[in-house]
Amino acid sequence: MVYIETPRLILRDWKEEDFVPFAEMNGNPSVMEFFLHPLSGEESRNLFDTVRNEFLQYGYGGYAIEQKSDGAFVGFTGFHNFMFDVDFAPGIEILWRLKQEYWGRGYATEAAKSCLAYAKENLPFSMVRAFTSLTNKRSQRVMQKIGMEFEKNFMHPAVPDGHLLKEHVLYKVQL
């Protein structure tokens, strides 16, 4: 099912054939620079299945992004229920991850902005957050471009103490 169309992108349900480019994206050290490590094939399979199953559980989740011009898998964007040991949890997170060859085209902003508009009209929540490592300036720019406001810095409890990626920034938007 197609949920959202933008001038250049289609945000849709996942297909099994998305797995190979999804796993390649997650195994790319540049794409995963602001995560603890690139994902193995097995870790990608687990994430792929989790993202697909969130739709069954919640009625929303991460959407596969397809390029309209050629049908290529670009990455994913959408919503995730987060629950970890921080004072702003539980909550709804907007997220995105794109294959490296699609960076710098405005696709993350286009896709994420369309997700927020879709959520405002169709989904059962009114507050959305996003967070990333303090050093991930590209994602922070996307957060700002889609209308999110800086909320605070925090130490991510899933990142080991002393790790370069421990400090995160938190953004929010009211729908």
N, C-alpha and C. Protein backbone atom coordinates (compact mmCIF):
# COMPACT_ATOMS: atom_id res chain seq x y z
N MET A 1 0.84 -1.18 0.00
CA MET A 1 0.00 0.00 0.00
C MET A 1 0.88 1.25 0.00
N VAL A 2 0.49 2.23 -0.76
CA VAL A 2 1.16 3.52 -0.77
C VAL A 2 0.47 4.42 0.25
N TYR A 3 1.24 5.00 1.13
CA TYR A 3 0.69 5.89 2.14
C TYR A 3 0.82 7.35 1.74
N ILE A 4 1.96 7.68 1.16
CA ILE A 4 2.28 9.08 0.89
C ILE A 4 3.02 9.16 -0.45
N GLU A 5 2.66 10.17 -1.24
CA GLU A 5 3.42 10.48 -2.45
C GLU A 5 3.86 11.93 -2.36
N THR A 6 5.11 12.17 -2.73
CA THR A 6 5.64 13.52 -2.83
C THR A 6 6.01 13.72 -4.30
N PRO A 7 6.48 14.89 -4.67
CA PRO A 7 6.84 15.08 -6.08
C PRO A 7 7.86 14.06 -6.60
N ARG A 8 8.76 13.59 -5.72
CA ARG A 8 9.83 12.69 -6.19
C ARG A 8 9.82 11.31 -5.55
N LEU A 9 9.01 11.11 -4.52
CA LEU A 9 9.11 9.90 -3.72
C LEU A 9 7.76 9.25 -3.48
N ILE A 10 7.81 7.95 -3.23
CA ILE A 10 6.65 7.18 -2.79
C ILE A 10 7.01 6.55 -1.45
N LEU A 11 6.18 6.75 -0.45
CA LEU A 11 6.36 6.12 0.86
C LEU A 11 5.31 5.03 0.96
N ARG A 12 5.76 3.80 1.12
CA ARG A 12 4.88 2.65 0.95
C ARG A 12 5.21 1.55 1.93
N ASP A 13 4.36 0.50 1.87
CA ASP A 13 4.63 -0.72 2.62
C ASP A 13 5.93 -1.34 2.13
N TRP A 14 6.50 -2.15 2.98
CA TRP A 14 7.72 -2.87 2.65
C TRP A 14 7.41 -4.08 1.77
N LYS A 15 8.35 -4.38 0.89
CA LYS A 15 8.30 -5.60 0.07
C LYS A 15 9.52 -6.43 0.45
N GLU A 16 9.41 -7.74 0.30
CA GLU A 16 10.54 -8.60 0.62
C GLU A 16 11.78 -8.21 -0.19
N GLU A 17 11.58 -7.77 -1.43
CA GLU A 17 12.74 -7.40 -2.26
C GLU A 17 13.44 -6.13 -1.78
N ASP A 18 12.86 -5.42 -0.81
CA ASP A 18 13.54 -4.27 -0.20
C ASP A 18 14.66 -4.72 0.73
N PHE A 19 14.64 -5.99 1.15
CA PHE A 19 15.59 -6.40 2.18
C PHE A 19 17.04 -6.26 1.74
N VAL A 20 17.38 -6.67 0.53
CA VAL A 20 18.79 -6.62 0.10
C VAL A 20 19.32 -5.18 0.12
N PRO A 21 18.65 -4.21 -0.53
CA PRO A 21 19.18 -2.84 -0.44
C PRO A 21 19.11 -2.26 0.98
N PHE A 22 18.13 -2.69 1.77
CA PHE A 22 18.02 -2.27 3.17
C PHE A 22 19.25 -2.75 3.95
N ALA A 23 19.60 -4.02 3.78
CA ALA A 23 20.76 -4.58 4.48
C ALA A 23 22.06 -3.93 4.00
N GLU A 24 22.16 -3.67 2.71
CA GLU A 24 23.36 -2.98 2.19
C GLU A 24 23.49 -1.60 2.81
N MET A 25 22.38 -0.88 2.91
CA MET A 25 22.39 0.45 3.53
C MET A 25 22.85 0.36 4.98
N ASN A 26 22.30 -0.59 5.74
CA ASN A 26 22.63 -0.72 7.15
C ASN A 26 24.04 -1.23 7.39
N GLY A 27 24.64 -1.86 6.40
CA GLY A 27 26.01 -2.35 6.52
C GLY A 27 27.05 -1.34 6.07
N ASN A 28 26.60 -0.20 5.54
CA ASN A 28 27.50 0.83 5.04
C ASN A 28 28.02 1.67 6.21
N PRO A 29 29.34 1.65 6.47
CA PRO A 29 29.88 2.41 7.60
C PRO A 29 29.57 3.91 7.55
N SER A 30 29.49 4.49 6.35
CA SER A 30 29.17 5.92 6.25
C SER A 30 27.73 6.19 6.67
N VAL A 31 26.81 5.34 6.24
CA VAL A 31 25.40 5.50 6.62
C VAL A 31 25.24 5.33 8.13
N MET A 32 26.00 4.41 8.69
CA MET A 32 25.86 4.07 10.11
C MET A 32 26.87 4.80 11.00
N GLU A 33 27.46 5.86 10.49
CA GLU A 33 28.48 6.61 11.22
C GLU A 33 28.03 7.05 12.61
N PHE A 34 26.76 7.39 12.77
CA PHE A 34 26.28 7.92 14.04
C PHE A 34 25.50 6.88 14.85
N PHE A 35 25.76 5.62 14.55
CA PHE A 35 25.25 4.49 15.32
C PHE A 35 26.45 3.76 15.90
N LEU A 36 26.23 2.84 16.80
CA LEU A 36 27.35 2.16 17.44
C LEU A 36 28.17 1.34 16.46
N HIS A 37 27.53 0.78 15.44
CA HIS A 37 28.25 -0.02 14.45
C HIS A 37 27.32 -0.29 13.27
N PRO A 38 27.91 -0.58 12.09
CA PRO A 38 27.07 -1.04 10.98
C PRO A 38 26.39 -2.35 11.37
N LEU A 39 25.24 -2.61 10.78
CA LEU A 39 24.50 -3.82 11.12
C LEU A 39 24.93 -5.00 10.27
N SER A 40 24.98 -6.15 10.90
CA SER A 40 25.23 -7.40 10.18
C SER A 40 23.97 -7.75 9.39
N GLY A 41 24.07 -8.74 8.54
CA GLY A 41 22.90 -9.21 7.81
C GLY A 41 21.80 -9.67 8.73
N GLU A 42 22.17 -10.38 9.79
CA GLU A 42 21.18 -10.88 10.75
C GLU A 42 20.52 -9.72 11.51
N GLU A 43 21.32 -8.72 11.91
CA GLU A 43 20.76 -7.56 12.59
C GLU A 43 19.82 -6.78 11.67
N SER A 44 20.20 -6.68 10.40
CA SER A 44 19.32 -6.01 9.43
C SER A 44 18.02 -6.78 9.25
N ARG A 45 18.10 -8.10 9.20
CA ARG A 45 16.88 -8.91 9.07
C ARG A 45 15.96 -8.69 10.27
N ASN A 46 16.54 -8.66 11.47
CA ASN A 46 15.73 -8.43 12.67
C ASN A 46 15.07 -7.05 12.64
N LEU A 47 15.82 -6.03 12.23
CA LEU A 47 15.26 -4.68 12.14
C LEU A 47 14.18 -4.62 11.06
N PHE A 48 14.44 -5.22 9.92
CA PHE A 48 13.48 -5.26 8.82
C PHE A 48 12.16 -5.85 9.29
N ASP A 49 12.24 -6.98 9.97
CA ASP A 49 11.03 -7.64 10.47
C ASP A 49 10.33 -6.81 11.54
N THR A 50 11.11 -6.16 12.41
CA THR A 50 10.54 -5.31 13.46
C THR A 50 9.79 -4.14 12.86
N VAL A 51 10.40 -3.47 11.88
CA VAL A 51 9.77 -2.32 11.25
C VAL A 51 8.46 -2.73 10.57
N ARG A 52 8.50 -3.85 9.88
CA ARG A 52 7.28 -4.34 9.21
C ARG A 52 6.19 -4.71 10.22
N ASN A 53 6.59 -5.30 11.33
CA ASN A 53 5.61 -5.73 12.33
C ASN A 53 5.00 -4.59 13.13
N GLU A 54 5.70 -3.45 13.20
CA GLU A 54 5.14 -2.30 13.92
C GLU A 54 3.82 -1.85 13.30
N PHE A 55 3.70 -1.98 11.98
CA PHE A 55 2.43 -1.62 11.34
C PHE A 55 1.29 -2.48 11.86
N LEU A 56 1.56 -3.77 12.04
CA LEU A 56 0.53 -4.68 12.54
C LEU A 56 0.14 -4.33 13.97
N GLN A 57 1.13 -3.95 14.76
CA GLN A 57 0.88 -3.65 16.17
C GLN A 57 0.25 -2.29 16.40
N TYR A 58 0.72 -1.26 15.69
CA TYR A 58 0.31 0.12 15.98
C TYR A 58 -0.50 0.79 14.87
N GLY A 59 -0.45 0.25 13.66
CA GLY A 59 -1.12 0.91 12.54
C GLY A 59 -0.27 1.98 11.89
N TYR A 60 0.98 2.10 12.29
CA TYR A 60 1.95 3.01 11.69
C TYR A 60 3.34 2.46 11.99
N GLY A 61 4.33 3.03 11.34
CA GLY A 61 5.70 2.58 11.54
C GLY A 61 6.61 3.25 10.54
N GLY A 62 7.62 2.52 10.10
CA GLY A 62 8.55 3.03 9.10
C GLY A 62 8.07 2.67 7.71
N TYR A 63 8.11 3.63 6.81
CA TYR A 63 7.71 3.42 5.43
C TYR A 63 8.95 3.25 4.56
N ALA A 64 8.89 2.33 3.62
CA ALA A 64 9.95 2.23 2.62
C ALA A 64 9.83 3.44 1.70
N ILE A 65 10.97 4.00 1.33
CA ILE A 65 10.98 5.14 0.40
C ILE A 65 11.44 4.63 -0.96
N GLU A 66 10.64 4.93 -1.97
CA GLU A 66 10.94 4.54 -3.34
C GLU A 66 11.05 5.79 -4.19
N GLN A 67 12.04 5.84 -5.05
CA GLN A 67 12.21 6.96 -5.97
C GLN A 67 11.19 6.80 -7.11
N LYS A 68 10.39 7.82 -7.33
CA LYS A 68 9.35 7.74 -8.35
C LYS A 68 9.91 7.50 -9.75
N SER A 69 11.01 8.14 -10.05
CA SER A 69 11.52 8.11 -11.43
C SER A 69 11.92 6.73 -11.91
N ASP A 70 12.40 5.88 -10.99
CA ASP A 70 12.87 4.56 -11.43
C ASP A 70 12.48 3.41 -10.50
N GLY A 71 11.74 3.69 -9.43
CA GLY A 71 11.31 2.64 -8.52
C GLY A 71 12.39 2.14 -7.58
N ALA A 72 13.54 2.81 -7.53
CA ALA A 72 14.65 2.35 -6.69
C ALA A 72 14.34 2.56 -5.21
N PHE A 73 14.83 1.62 -4.39
CA PHE A 73 14.73 1.74 -2.93
C PHE A 73 15.72 2.81 -2.48
N VAL A 74 15.22 3.82 -1.79
CA VAL A 74 16.02 4.96 -1.34
C VAL A 74 16.41 4.82 0.13
N GLY A 75 15.50 4.26 0.94
CA GLY A 75 15.73 4.16 2.37
C GLY A 75 14.40 4.03 3.08
N PHE A 76 14.32 4.58 4.29
CA PHE A 76 13.05 4.55 5.01
C PHE A 76 12.89 5.78 5.87
N THR A 77 11.65 6.05 6.20
CA THR A 77 11.28 7.11 7.12
C THR A 77 9.98 6.70 7.78
N GLY A 78 9.62 7.37 8.83
CA GLY A 78 8.35 7.05 9.48
C GLY A 78 8.45 7.22 10.98
N PHE A 79 7.62 6.45 11.68
CA PHE A 79 7.46 6.64 13.12
C PHE A 79 7.79 5.37 13.88
N HIS A 80 8.29 5.58 15.08
CA HIS A 80 8.67 4.46 15.95
C HIS A 80 8.30 4.83 17.38
N ASN A 81 7.72 3.88 18.09
CA ASN A 81 7.45 4.06 19.52
C ASN A 81 8.75 3.78 20.27
N PHE A 82 9.25 4.77 20.97
CA PHE A 82 10.48 4.54 21.74
C PHE A 82 10.16 4.46 23.22
N MET A 83 10.92 3.61 23.88
CA MET A 83 10.77 3.42 25.33
C MET A 83 12.13 3.03 25.88
N PHE A 84 12.82 3.97 26.43
CA PHE A 84 14.06 3.68 27.13
C PHE A 84 14.16 4.64 28.30
N ASP A 85 15.17 4.50 29.09
CA ASP A 85 15.25 5.18 30.38
C ASP A 85 15.67 6.64 30.24
N VAL A 86 14.70 7.48 29.83
CA VAL A 86 14.88 8.93 29.77
C VAL A 86 13.59 9.58 30.25
N ASP A 87 13.67 10.84 30.62
CA ASP A 87 12.49 11.50 31.19
C ASP A 87 11.43 11.87 30.16
N PHE A 88 11.71 11.73 28.88
CA PHE A 88 10.72 12.05 27.85
C PHE A 88 10.11 10.80 27.20
N ALA A 89 10.42 9.63 27.75
CA ALA A 89 9.86 8.38 27.23
C ALA A 89 8.67 7.97 28.09
N PRO A 90 7.73 7.24 27.52
CA PRO A 90 7.66 6.78 26.14
C PRO A 90 7.24 7.91 25.20
N GLY A 91 7.43 7.67 23.92
CA GLY A 91 7.06 8.68 22.94
C GLY A 91 7.10 8.14 21.53
N ILE A 92 6.80 9.02 20.59
CA ILE A 92 6.82 8.70 19.17
C ILE A 92 8.00 9.45 18.55
N GLU A 93 8.81 8.71 17.84
CA GLU A 93 10.00 9.26 17.17
C GLU A 93 9.77 9.23 15.67
N ILE A 94 10.14 10.31 14.99
CA ILE A 94 10.23 10.27 13.53
C ILE A 94 11.67 9.95 13.20
N LEU A 95 11.85 9.09 12.22
CA LEU A 95 13.21 8.67 11.87
C LEU A 95 13.35 8.59 10.36
N TRP A 96 14.59 8.54 9.93
CA TRP A 96 14.90 8.40 8.51
C TRP A 96 16.28 7.81 8.38
N ARG A 97 16.47 7.08 7.31
CA ARG A 97 17.79 6.55 6.94
C ARG A 97 17.76 6.35 5.44
N LEU A 98 18.75 6.90 4.76
CA LEU A 98 18.81 6.81 3.30
C LEU A 98 20.10 6.16 2.85
N LYS A 99 20.00 5.45 1.73
CA LYS A 99 21.21 4.92 1.11
C LYS A 99 22.11 6.11 0.74
N GLN A 100 23.40 5.93 0.86
CA GLN A 100 24.34 7.03 0.70
C GLN A 100 24.23 7.71 -0.67
N GLU A 101 23.95 6.95 -1.71
CA GLU A 101 23.89 7.56 -3.05
C GLU A 101 22.73 8.54 -3.20
N TYR A 102 21.81 8.59 -2.22
CA TYR A 102 20.68 9.52 -2.28
C TYR A 102 20.83 10.71 -1.34
N TRP A 103 21.96 10.80 -0.66
CA TRP A 103 22.21 11.94 0.21
C TRP A 103 22.36 13.22 -0.62
N GLY A 104 22.06 14.34 0.00
CA GLY A 104 22.31 15.64 -0.62
C GLY A 104 21.27 16.05 -1.65
N ARG A 105 20.18 15.32 -1.75
CA ARG A 105 19.12 15.63 -2.72
C ARG A 105 17.86 16.20 -2.06
N GLY A 106 17.88 16.32 -0.74
CA GLY A 106 16.70 16.80 -0.04
C GLY A 106 15.64 15.74 0.19
N TYR A 107 15.98 14.48 -0.07
CA TYR A 107 15.00 13.40 0.07
C TYR A 107 14.59 13.18 1.53
N ALA A 108 15.53 13.24 2.45
CA ALA A 108 15.18 13.02 3.86
C ALA A 108 14.18 14.07 4.33
N THR A 109 14.44 15.32 3.99
CA THR A 109 13.54 16.41 4.37
C THR A 109 12.17 16.24 3.71
N GLU A 110 12.17 15.95 2.42
CA GLU A 110 10.91 15.78 1.68
C GLU A 110 10.08 14.64 2.27
N ALA A 111 10.73 13.53 2.54
CA ALA A 111 10.01 12.36 3.06
C ALA A 111 9.52 12.60 4.49
N ALA A 112 10.39 13.13 5.35
CA ALA A 112 10.01 13.34 6.75
C ALA A 112 8.93 14.40 6.89
N LYS A 113 9.02 15.47 6.12
CA LYS A 113 8.00 16.52 6.18
C LYS A 113 6.64 15.95 5.75
N SER A 114 6.64 15.11 4.73
CA SER A 114 5.38 14.52 4.28
C SER A 114 4.82 13.55 5.33
N CYS A 115 5.70 12.87 6.07
CA CYS A 115 5.26 11.99 7.15
C CYS A 115 4.56 12.77 8.25
N LEU A 116 5.12 13.91 8.61
CA LEU A 116 4.49 14.72 9.66
C LEU A 116 3.12 15.22 9.23
N ALA A 117 3.00 15.63 7.97
CA ALA A 117 1.70 16.08 7.46
C ALA A 117 0.69 14.93 7.48
N TYR A 118 1.14 13.75 7.08
CA TYR A 118 0.28 12.57 7.09
C TYR A 118 -0.15 12.23 8.53
N ALA A 119 0.78 12.28 9.45
CA ALA A 119 0.47 11.97 10.85
C ALA A 119 -0.55 12.93 11.42
N LYS A 120 -0.41 14.20 11.10
CA LYS A 120 -1.33 15.21 11.63
C LYS A 120 -2.77 14.89 11.25
N GLU A 121 -2.97 14.39 10.05
CA GLU A 121 -4.32 14.12 9.55
C GLU A 121 -4.81 12.70 9.84
N ASN A 122 -3.89 11.75 10.02
CA ASN A 122 -4.30 10.34 10.01
C ASN A 122 -3.88 9.48 11.20
N LEU A 123 -2.99 9.97 12.04
CA LEU A 123 -2.45 9.10 13.09
C LEU A 123 -2.81 9.63 14.48
N PRO A 124 -2.83 8.73 15.47
CA PRO A 124 -3.39 9.07 16.79
C PRO A 124 -2.41 9.69 17.78
N PHE A 125 -1.53 10.56 17.32
CA PHE A 125 -0.63 11.23 18.26
C PHE A 125 -0.44 12.67 17.82
N SER A 126 -0.04 13.51 18.77
CA SER A 126 0.09 14.93 18.48
C SER A 126 1.49 15.48 18.75
N MET A 127 2.34 14.70 19.38
CA MET A 127 3.71 15.13 19.66
C MET A 127 4.66 14.11 19.04
N VAL A 128 5.64 14.61 18.31
CA VAL A 128 6.64 13.75 17.70
C VAL A 128 8.01 14.29 18.08
N ARG A 129 8.91 13.39 18.40
CA ARG A 129 10.28 13.77 18.73
C ARG A 129 11.25 13.13 17.75
N ALA A 130 12.45 13.65 17.74
CA ALA A 130 13.55 13.06 16.99
C ALA A 130 14.81 13.29 17.80
N PHE A 131 15.72 12.35 17.73
CA PHE A 131 16.98 12.51 18.44
C PHE A 131 18.10 11.87 17.64
N THR A 132 19.28 12.41 17.85
CA THR A 132 20.47 11.90 17.18
C THR A 132 21.69 12.33 17.98
N SER A 133 22.80 11.76 17.62
CA SER A 133 24.06 12.14 18.25
C SER A 133 24.32 13.63 18.07
N LEU A 134 24.91 14.23 19.06
CA LEU A 134 25.28 15.65 19.00
C LEU A 134 26.12 15.96 17.77
N THR A 135 26.90 15.00 17.31
CA THR A 135 27.80 15.22 16.17
C THR A 135 27.13 15.01 14.81
N ASN A 136 25.90 14.54 14.77
CA ASN A 136 25.21 14.27 13.51
C ASN A 136 24.50 15.54 13.02
N LYS A 137 25.27 16.42 12.43
CA LYS A 137 24.73 17.72 12.00
C LYS A 137 23.76 17.58 10.83
N ARG A 138 23.95 16.59 9.95
CA ARG A 138 23.04 16.42 8.82
C ARG A 138 21.62 16.13 9.30
N SER A 139 21.48 15.19 10.24
CA SER A 139 20.14 14.88 10.75
C SER A 139 19.56 16.05 11.52
N GLN A 140 20.38 16.78 12.23
CA GLN A 140 19.87 17.95 12.95
C GLN A 140 19.33 18.99 11.98
N ARG A 141 19.99 19.15 10.83
CA ARG A 141 19.48 20.09 9.82
C ARG A 141 18.13 19.64 9.28
N VAL A 142 17.97 18.33 9.07
CA VAL A 142 16.66 17.82 8.63
C VAL A 142 15.61 18.13 9.68
N MET A 143 15.92 17.89 10.94
CA MET A 143 14.97 18.17 12.02
C MET A 143 14.52 19.63 11.98
N GLN A 144 15.47 20.52 11.79
CA GLN A 144 15.14 21.95 11.74
C GLN A 144 14.31 22.28 10.50
N LYS A 145 14.67 21.71 9.36
CA LYS A 145 13.96 22.00 8.11
C LYS A 145 12.52 21.51 8.12
N ILE A 146 12.23 20.47 8.89
CA ILE A 146 10.85 19.96 8.93
C ILE A 146 10.03 20.60 10.05
N GLY A 147 10.59 21.64 10.67
CA GLY A 147 9.83 22.41 11.64
C GLY A 147 9.96 21.97 13.08
N MET A 148 10.93 21.12 13.37
CA MET A 148 11.12 20.68 14.75
C MET A 148 11.93 21.72 15.52
N GLU A 149 11.69 21.78 16.82
CA GLU A 149 12.39 22.71 17.69
C GLU A 149 13.30 21.95 18.64
N PHE A 150 14.47 22.51 18.88
CA PHE A 150 15.40 21.93 19.84
C PHE A 150 14.74 21.90 21.22
N GLU A 151 14.83 20.75 21.87
CA GLU A 151 14.29 20.62 23.23
C GLU A 151 15.42 20.59 24.26
N LYS A 152 16.41 19.70 24.07
CA LYS A 152 17.52 19.62 25.02
C LYS A 152 18.56 18.61 24.55
N ASN A 153 19.68 18.62 25.23
CA ASN A 153 20.69 17.57 25.07
C ASN A 153 20.43 16.52 26.14
N PHE A 154 20.82 15.27 25.85
CA PHE A 154 20.69 14.21 26.84
C PHE A 154 21.73 13.14 26.57
N MET A 155 22.01 12.35 27.56
CA MET A 155 22.93 11.23 27.43
C MET A 155 22.11 9.98 27.12
N HIS A 156 22.33 9.41 25.95
CA HIS A 156 21.53 8.26 25.52
C HIS A 156 21.90 7.04 26.36
N PRO A 157 20.93 6.43 27.05
CA PRO A 157 21.25 5.32 27.95
C PRO A 157 21.72 4.05 27.25
N ALA A 158 21.47 3.93 25.94
CA ALA A 158 21.89 2.72 25.22
C ALA A 158 23.32 2.84 24.68
N VAL A 159 23.92 4.02 24.82
CA VAL A 159 25.28 4.24 24.33
C VAL A 159 26.22 4.16 25.53
N PRO A 160 27.30 3.39 25.42
CA PRO A 160 28.22 3.24 26.57
C PRO A 160 28.79 4.58 27.04
N ASP A 161 28.99 4.69 28.35
CA ASP A 161 29.62 5.87 28.92
C ASP A 161 30.99 6.08 28.28
N GLY A 162 31.32 7.34 28.01
CA GLY A 162 32.60 7.67 27.43
C GLY A 162 32.65 7.56 25.92
N HIS A 163 31.62 7.02 25.31
CA HIS A 163 31.58 6.87 23.85
C HIS A 163 31.32 8.22 23.20
N LEU A 164 31.93 8.46 22.05
CA LEU A 164 31.78 9.71 21.31
C LEU A 164 30.31 10.02 20.99
N LEU A 165 29.48 9.00 20.83
CA LEU A 165 28.08 9.18 20.45
C LEU A 165 27.12 9.26 21.64
N LYS A 166 27.64 9.26 22.85
CA LYS A 166 26.79 9.24 24.05
C LYS A 166 25.85 10.44 24.12
N GLU A 167 26.38 11.64 23.87
CA GLU A 167 25.54 12.84 23.98
C GLU A 167 24.67 12.99 22.73
N HIS A 168 23.38 13.16 22.96
CA HIS A 168 22.39 13.30 21.90
C HIS A 168 21.67 14.64 22.03
N VAL A 169 21.05 15.05 20.93
CA VAL A 169 20.15 16.20 20.94
C VAL A 169 18.74 15.68 20.72
N LEU A 170 17.79 16.36 21.35
CA LEU A 170 16.38 16.01 21.25
C LEU A 170 15.63 17.18 20.64
N TYR A 171 14.84 16.88 19.61
CA TYR A 171 13.98 17.87 18.97
C TYR A 171 12.54 17.40 19.09
N LYS A 172 11.60 18.34 18.96
CA LYS A 172 10.18 17.98 19.05
C LYS A 172 9.36 18.86 18.12
N VAL A 173 8.17 18.35 17.79
CA VAL A 173 7.20 19.15 17.04
C VAL A 173 5.81 18.73 17.49
N GLN A 174 4.97 19.72 17.67
CA GLN A 174 3.56 19.50 18.00
C GLN A 174 2.79 19.47 16.69
N LEU A 175 2.02 18.42 16.48
CA LEU A 175 1.24 18.31 15.24
C LEU A 175 -0.09 19.04 15.35
